[in-house]
Amino acid sequence: MDTRPIGFFDSGIGGLSILREARRLLPAESMVYVADNAHFPYGALDDETLCGLTDQLTAFLVERDVKLVVVACNTATVHALAHLRAVFLGLPFVGVVPVVKPLAEKTLTGVIAVLVTPATAESTYLAGLIADHASGCRVITVPCPGLAELIETGDASTACTTQLLERFLEPVVNSRADVLGLGCTHYPFLRGRIQRMVGPGVRVIDSGNAVARRIRTVLAERDALSPTFHSPTFSYYSRGDSAALERAVQRYVGIFGMTSCVDLPKVAKIP
């Protein structure tokens, strides 16, 4: 048994969708979350910069004595996870990837769709996932420029967001796709609205539950799960805007014994 916390980081609030699922599956686990919203969005950064920033976030979580780090960001997982595993030897990591494999397994029509950030849409990583797991399917990849940014700034319920969604979902609605993947950790916060727009004939899937189950598996393999009687604690840190993070925690996750969000020092010079 190990009562140390699980660490999470993302470029902003999107990783809270992963923390929320982990909380549901692992109610005895303490958690520490870091939002690097001073450098949001990560999709605009090159690999060297991204690796430098995620090094800093991981080191901060290590200082908080975490037993596992969840890279709760698709972009950071794709571009920095291998680097982090090579630098922080012995520290277990769990990443987040677009849900291509589950989509291919669940489709009945052979047509699948995935909403992703522009950076993920252009990545060789996504192309590899499609080649490895969905080569027999027609794959509709939908880049969604600006959508994560609207969610990050708290504008998810505006008419502008609705108009963007309608435009992004048009190729899905007008296809034979029967499964739709949410390929950014921000997008699950719009899941209900997306489901209503695509209709009951399209199953909407995100990676939150799968990541939570992977966290449980990795901890169980290391005999590092907290005992069921453990009273967990929750801490949230922001490198940018702690007030915005606190509002997002309250809206999307619930308090869960939340300590006040704390601002971290900004990086004077991006690596």
Protein backbone atom coordinates (compact mmCIF):
# COMPACT_ATOMS: atom_id res chain seq x y z
CA MET A 1 0.00 0.00 0.00
CA ASP A 2 1.10 3.55 -0.73
CA THR A 3 -0.86 6.63 0.36
CA ARG A 4 1.28 9.12 -1.53
CA PRO A 5 -0.64 11.21 -4.10
CA ILE A 6 -1.02 10.71 -7.83
CA GLY A 7 0.30 13.65 -9.86
CA PHE A 8 -1.41 15.11 -12.93
CA PHE A 9 -0.35 17.87 -15.29
CA ASP A 10 -1.75 19.53 -18.39
CA SER A 11 -1.32 22.78 -20.28
CA GLY A 12 -4.56 23.99 -18.68
CA ILE A 13 -7.83 22.70 -17.29
CA GLY A 14 -8.34 19.85 -19.78
CA GLY A 15 -6.58 17.28 -17.61
CA LEU A 16 -9.27 17.77 -14.99
CA SER A 17 -11.43 15.51 -17.18
CA ILE A 18 -8.88 12.75 -16.54
CA LEU A 19 -8.58 13.54 -12.83
CA ARG A 20 -12.39 13.42 -12.57
CA GLU A 21 -12.51 9.89 -13.96
CA ALA A 22 -9.60 8.79 -11.77
CA ARG A 23 -11.41 10.17 -8.74
CA ARG A 24 -14.52 8.15 -9.59
CA LEU A 25 -12.58 4.93 -10.02
CA LEU A 26 -10.06 5.46 -7.21
CA PRO A 27 -11.88 7.36 -4.42
CA ALA A 28 -9.20 6.63 -1.80
CA GLU A 29 -6.35 8.22 -3.80
CA SER A 30 -4.90 11.64 -3.03
CA MET A 31 -4.18 13.79 -6.08
CA VAL A 32 -2.03 16.79 -7.05
CA TYR A 33 -2.86 18.70 -10.24
CA VAL A 34 -0.74 21.26 -12.06
CA ALA A 35 -2.05 23.46 -14.89
CA ASP A 36 0.62 25.15 -16.99
CA ASN A 37 -1.80 27.71 -18.38
CA ALA A 38 0.96 30.31 -18.65
CA HIS A 39 2.11 28.33 -21.71
CA PHE A 40 -1.26 27.19 -23.05
CA PRO A 41 -1.78 25.83 -25.68
CA TYR A 42 0.98 23.23 -25.88
CA GLY A 43 0.18 22.55 -29.54
CA ALA A 44 1.85 25.83 -30.46
CA LEU A 45 5.22 24.79 -28.95
CA ASP A 46 8.12 22.89 -30.50
CA ASP A 47 9.31 19.60 -29.04
CA GLU A 48 12.35 21.07 -27.27
CA THR A 49 10.28 23.68 -25.49
CA LEU A 50 7.59 21.17 -24.60
CA CYS A 51 10.11 18.74 -23.13
CA GLY A 52 11.64 21.54 -21.05
CA LEU A 53 8.30 22.64 -19.65
CA THR A 54 7.12 19.12 -18.86
CA ASP A 55 10.46 18.41 -17.16
CA GLN A 56 9.73 21.30 -14.81
CA LEU A 57 6.17 20.17 -14.09
CA THR A 58 7.27 16.61 -13.41
CA ALA A 59 10.06 17.79 -11.12
CA PHE A 60 7.52 19.90 -9.22
CA LEU A 61 5.30 16.85 -8.77
CA VAL A 62 8.27 14.75 -7.67
CA GLU A 63 8.93 17.37 -4.99
CA ARG A 64 5.37 16.71 -3.82
CA ASP A 65 6.32 13.02 -3.45
CA VAL A 66 3.88 11.64 -6.02
CA LYS A 67 3.90 7.92 -6.71
CA LEU A 68 2.82 8.19 -10.35
CA VAL A 69 2.54 10.99 -12.92
CA VAL A 70 -0.34 11.27 -15.36
CA VAL A 71 0.53 13.28 -18.46
CA ALA A 72 -3.08 14.43 -18.85
CA CYS A 73 -2.57 16.10 -22.22
CA ASN A 74 -2.62 14.52 -25.67
CA THR A 75 0.03 16.85 -27.09
CA ALA A 76 2.43 16.38 -24.17
CA THR A 77 1.94 12.62 -24.31
CA VAL A 78 2.72 12.48 -28.02
CA HIS A 79 5.76 14.76 -27.91
CA ALA A 80 7.25 14.46 -24.41
CA LEU A 81 6.24 11.21 -22.68
CA ALA A 82 9.17 9.13 -24.02
CA HIS A 83 11.54 11.93 -22.99
CA LEU A 84 10.09 12.08 -19.47
CA ARG A 85 10.40 8.33 -18.99
CA ALA A 86 14.06 8.53 -20.02
CA VAL A 87 14.78 11.42 -17.61
CA PHE A 88 12.78 10.33 -14.55
CA LEU A 89 13.88 6.72 -14.35
CA GLY A 90 11.83 4.55 -12.00
CA LEU A 91 8.89 6.97 -11.88
CA PRO A 92 5.79 5.44 -13.48
CA PHE A 93 3.96 7.55 -16.07
CA VAL A 94 0.54 7.18 -17.68
CA GLY A 95 -0.20 9.15 -20.84
CA VAL A 96 -3.27 10.07 -22.88
CA VAL A 97 -3.66 9.23 -26.56
CA PRO A 98 -6.51 9.68 -29.05
CA VAL A 99 -9.03 6.85 -28.70
CA VAL A 100 -8.48 5.35 -32.16
CA LYS A 101 -8.27 1.70 -31.11
CA PRO A 102 -11.55 1.66 -29.10
CA LEU A 103 -13.30 3.44 -31.97
CA ALA A 104 -12.16 0.82 -34.45
CA GLU A 105 -13.24 -1.96 -32.11
CA LYS A 106 -16.72 -0.53 -31.52
CA THR A 107 -17.78 0.65 -34.99
CA LEU A 108 -20.41 -1.35 -36.84
CA THR A 109 -20.41 0.77 -39.99
CA GLY A 110 -16.64 0.82 -40.47
CA VAL A 111 -16.61 4.62 -40.32
CA ILE A 112 -15.08 6.36 -37.31
CA ALA A 113 -14.49 10.03 -36.49
CA VAL A 114 -12.16 11.75 -34.05
CA LEU A 115 -12.08 15.38 -32.92
CA VAL A 116 -8.53 16.56 -32.29
CA THR A 117 -6.46 19.71 -31.94
CA PRO A 118 -4.70 20.93 -35.10
CA ALA A 119 -1.33 19.81 -33.69
CA THR A 120 -2.60 16.27 -33.06
CA ALA A 121 -4.24 16.15 -36.48
CA GLU A 122 -0.88 16.79 -38.14
CA SER A 123 1.13 14.43 -35.92
CA THR A 124 2.79 11.29 -37.19
CA TYR A 125 1.69 9.71 -33.89
CA LEU A 126 -1.98 9.92 -34.84
CA ALA A 127 -1.21 8.64 -38.31
CA GLY A 128 0.56 5.68 -36.71
CA LEU A 129 -2.39 4.92 -34.42
CA ILE A 130 -4.71 4.92 -37.42
CA ALA A 131 -2.37 2.68 -39.42
CA ASP A 132 -1.92 0.26 -36.51
CA HIS A 133 -5.49 0.05 -35.23
CA ALA A 134 -7.92 1.39 -37.83
CA SER A 135 -6.48 0.45 -41.20
CA GLY A 136 -9.72 -1.30 -42.12
CA CYS A 137 -11.88 1.72 -41.29
CA ARG A 138 -12.67 4.98 -42.95
CA VAL A 139 -11.34 7.57 -40.51
CA ILE A 140 -12.70 11.12 -40.41
CA THR A 141 -10.14 13.26 -38.62
CA VAL A 142 -11.59 16.62 -37.61
CA PRO A 143 -9.14 19.34 -36.49
CA CYS A 144 -10.86 21.78 -34.12
CA PRO A 145 -8.87 25.04 -34.05
CA GLY A 146 -9.91 27.33 -31.23
CA LEU A 147 -12.18 24.87 -29.42
CA ALA A 148 -9.83 24.00 -26.54
CA GLU A 149 -9.03 27.70 -26.18
CA LEU A 150 -12.72 28.56 -25.69
CA ILE A 151 -13.09 25.85 -23.07
CA GLU A 152 -9.91 26.99 -21.32
CA THR A 153 -11.15 30.57 -21.04
CA GLY A 154 -14.52 29.52 -19.62
CA ASP A 155 -16.47 30.28 -22.80
CA ALA A 156 -17.70 26.74 -23.40
CA SER A 157 -21.38 27.71 -23.15
CA THR A 158 -21.33 30.64 -25.57
CA ALA A 159 -22.99 30.89 -28.97
CA CYS A 160 -19.52 31.05 -30.53
CA THR A 161 -18.68 27.61 -29.12
CA THR A 162 -21.98 26.22 -30.41
CA GLN A 163 -21.28 27.59 -33.88
CA LEU A 164 -17.78 26.11 -33.87
CA LEU A 165 -19.12 22.72 -32.81
CA GLU A 166 -21.77 22.76 -35.52
CA ARG A 167 -19.11 23.44 -38.12
CA PHE A 168 -16.68 20.85 -36.79
CA LEU A 169 -19.35 18.16 -36.44
CA GLU A 170 -20.87 18.66 -39.89
CA PRO A 171 -18.61 16.09 -41.61
CA VAL A 172 -19.43 13.61 -38.85
CA VAL A 173 -23.20 14.13 -39.02
CA ASN A 174 -23.11 13.84 -42.81
CA SER A 175 -21.19 10.57 -42.77
CA ARG A 176 -21.87 6.98 -41.76
CA ALA A 177 -19.72 7.30 -38.64
CA ASP A 178 -21.28 5.58 -35.66
CA VAL A 179 -18.50 6.32 -33.14
CA LEU A 180 -16.85 9.64 -32.36
CA GLY A 181 -13.68 10.03 -30.30
CA LEU A 182 -12.80 13.11 -28.27
CA GLY A 183 -9.07 13.43 -28.90
CA CYS A 184 -8.28 16.30 -26.52
CA THR A 185 -8.75 16.25 -22.75
CA HIS A 186 -10.63 19.56 -22.93
CA TYR A 187 -13.38 18.18 -25.15
CA PRO A 188 -15.14 15.90 -22.59
CA PHE A 189 -16.42 19.05 -20.88
CA LEU A 190 -18.62 19.50 -24.00
CA ARG A 191 -19.55 15.84 -24.27
CA GLY A 192 -23.27 16.29 -23.56
CA ARG A 193 -23.64 19.00 -26.17
CA ILE A 194 -21.61 17.04 -28.72
CA GLN A 195 -23.77 13.96 -28.13
CA ARG A 196 -26.95 15.95 -28.70
CA MET A 197 -25.57 17.40 -31.92
CA VAL A 198 -24.49 14.10 -33.47
CA GLY A 199 -27.60 12.26 -32.29
CA PRO A 200 -28.23 8.90 -30.65
CA GLY A 201 -26.85 6.94 -33.60
CA VAL A 202 -23.28 8.05 -32.85
CA ARG A 203 -21.53 6.84 -29.71
CA VAL A 204 -19.22 9.49 -28.21
CA ILE A 205 -16.08 8.13 -26.53
CA ASP A 206 -13.25 9.79 -24.63
CA SER A 207 -10.13 8.37 -23.00
CA GLY A 208 -10.90 9.32 -19.39
CA ASN A 209 -12.14 5.98 -18.11
CA ALA A 210 -9.47 4.02 -19.98
CA VAL A 211 -6.75 6.23 -18.49
CA ALA A 212 -8.22 5.84 -15.00
CA ARG A 213 -8.24 2.06 -15.41
CA ARG A 214 -4.63 2.18 -16.58
CA ILE A 215 -3.67 4.20 -13.50
CA ARG A 216 -5.31 1.56 -11.30
CA THR A 217 -3.51 -1.25 -13.13
CA VAL A 218 -0.07 0.37 -12.86
CA LEU A 219 -0.52 1.11 -9.16
CA ALA A 220 -1.82 -2.40 -8.48
CA GLU A 221 1.18 -3.93 -10.24
CA ARG A 222 3.44 -1.93 -7.94
CA ASP A 223 1.37 -2.68 -4.83
CA ALA A 224 0.91 1.09 -4.54
CA LEU A 225 -2.85 1.53 -4.25
CA SER A 226 -4.07 3.44 -1.22
CA PRO A 227 -6.11 1.42 1.28
CA THR A 228 -9.86 1.84 0.95
CA PHE A 229 -10.09 3.52 4.38
CA HIS A 230 -7.60 6.25 3.41
CA SER A 231 -8.93 9.82 3.52
CA PRO A 232 -7.56 11.49 0.38
CA THR A 233 -6.34 15.06 -0.06
CA PHE A 234 -6.41 17.21 -3.21
CA SER A 235 -4.13 20.06 -4.22
CA TYR A 236 -4.24 22.22 -7.33
CA TYR A 237 -1.49 24.43 -8.68
CA SER A 238 -1.41 26.82 -11.62
CA ARG A 239 1.41 28.40 -13.56
CA GLY A 240 -0.64 31.28 -14.86
CA ASP A 241 -4.11 31.80 -13.39
CA SER A 242 -5.05 30.02 -10.17
CA ALA A 243 -8.46 31.73 -9.99
CA ALA A 244 -9.46 30.31 -13.38
CA LEU A 245 -8.27 26.86 -12.36
CA GLU A 246 -10.21 27.04 -9.11
CA ARG A 247 -13.39 27.94 -10.99
CA ALA A 248 -12.84 25.03 -13.37
CA VAL A 249 -12.28 22.60 -10.49
CA GLN A 250 -15.48 23.70 -8.82
CA ARG A 251 -17.47 23.53 -12.07
CA TYR A 252 -16.17 20.33 -13.62
CA VAL A 253 -14.80 18.22 -10.77
CA GLY A 254 -16.37 19.33 -7.50
CA ILE A 255 -14.46 20.40 -4.44
CA PHE A 256 -13.33 16.97 -3.14
CA GLY A 257 -11.60 18.51 -0.14
CA MET A 258 -9.90 21.03 -2.38
CA THR A 259 -7.16 23.23 -1.03
CA SER A 260 -6.92 26.69 -2.56
CA CYS A 261 -5.30 26.77 -5.98
CA VAL A 262 -1.77 28.14 -5.79
CA ASP A 263 0.06 30.17 -8.44
CA LEU A 264 3.48 28.83 -9.37
CA PRO A 265 6.26 31.15 -10.56
CA LYS A 266 6.16 31.67 -14.30
CA VAL A 267 9.15 30.60 -16.33
CA ALA A 268 11.19 33.71 -17.04
CA LYS A 269 12.60 32.15 -20.20
CA ILE A 270 11.06 29.23 -21.98
CA PRO A 271 13.73 26.51 -22.33
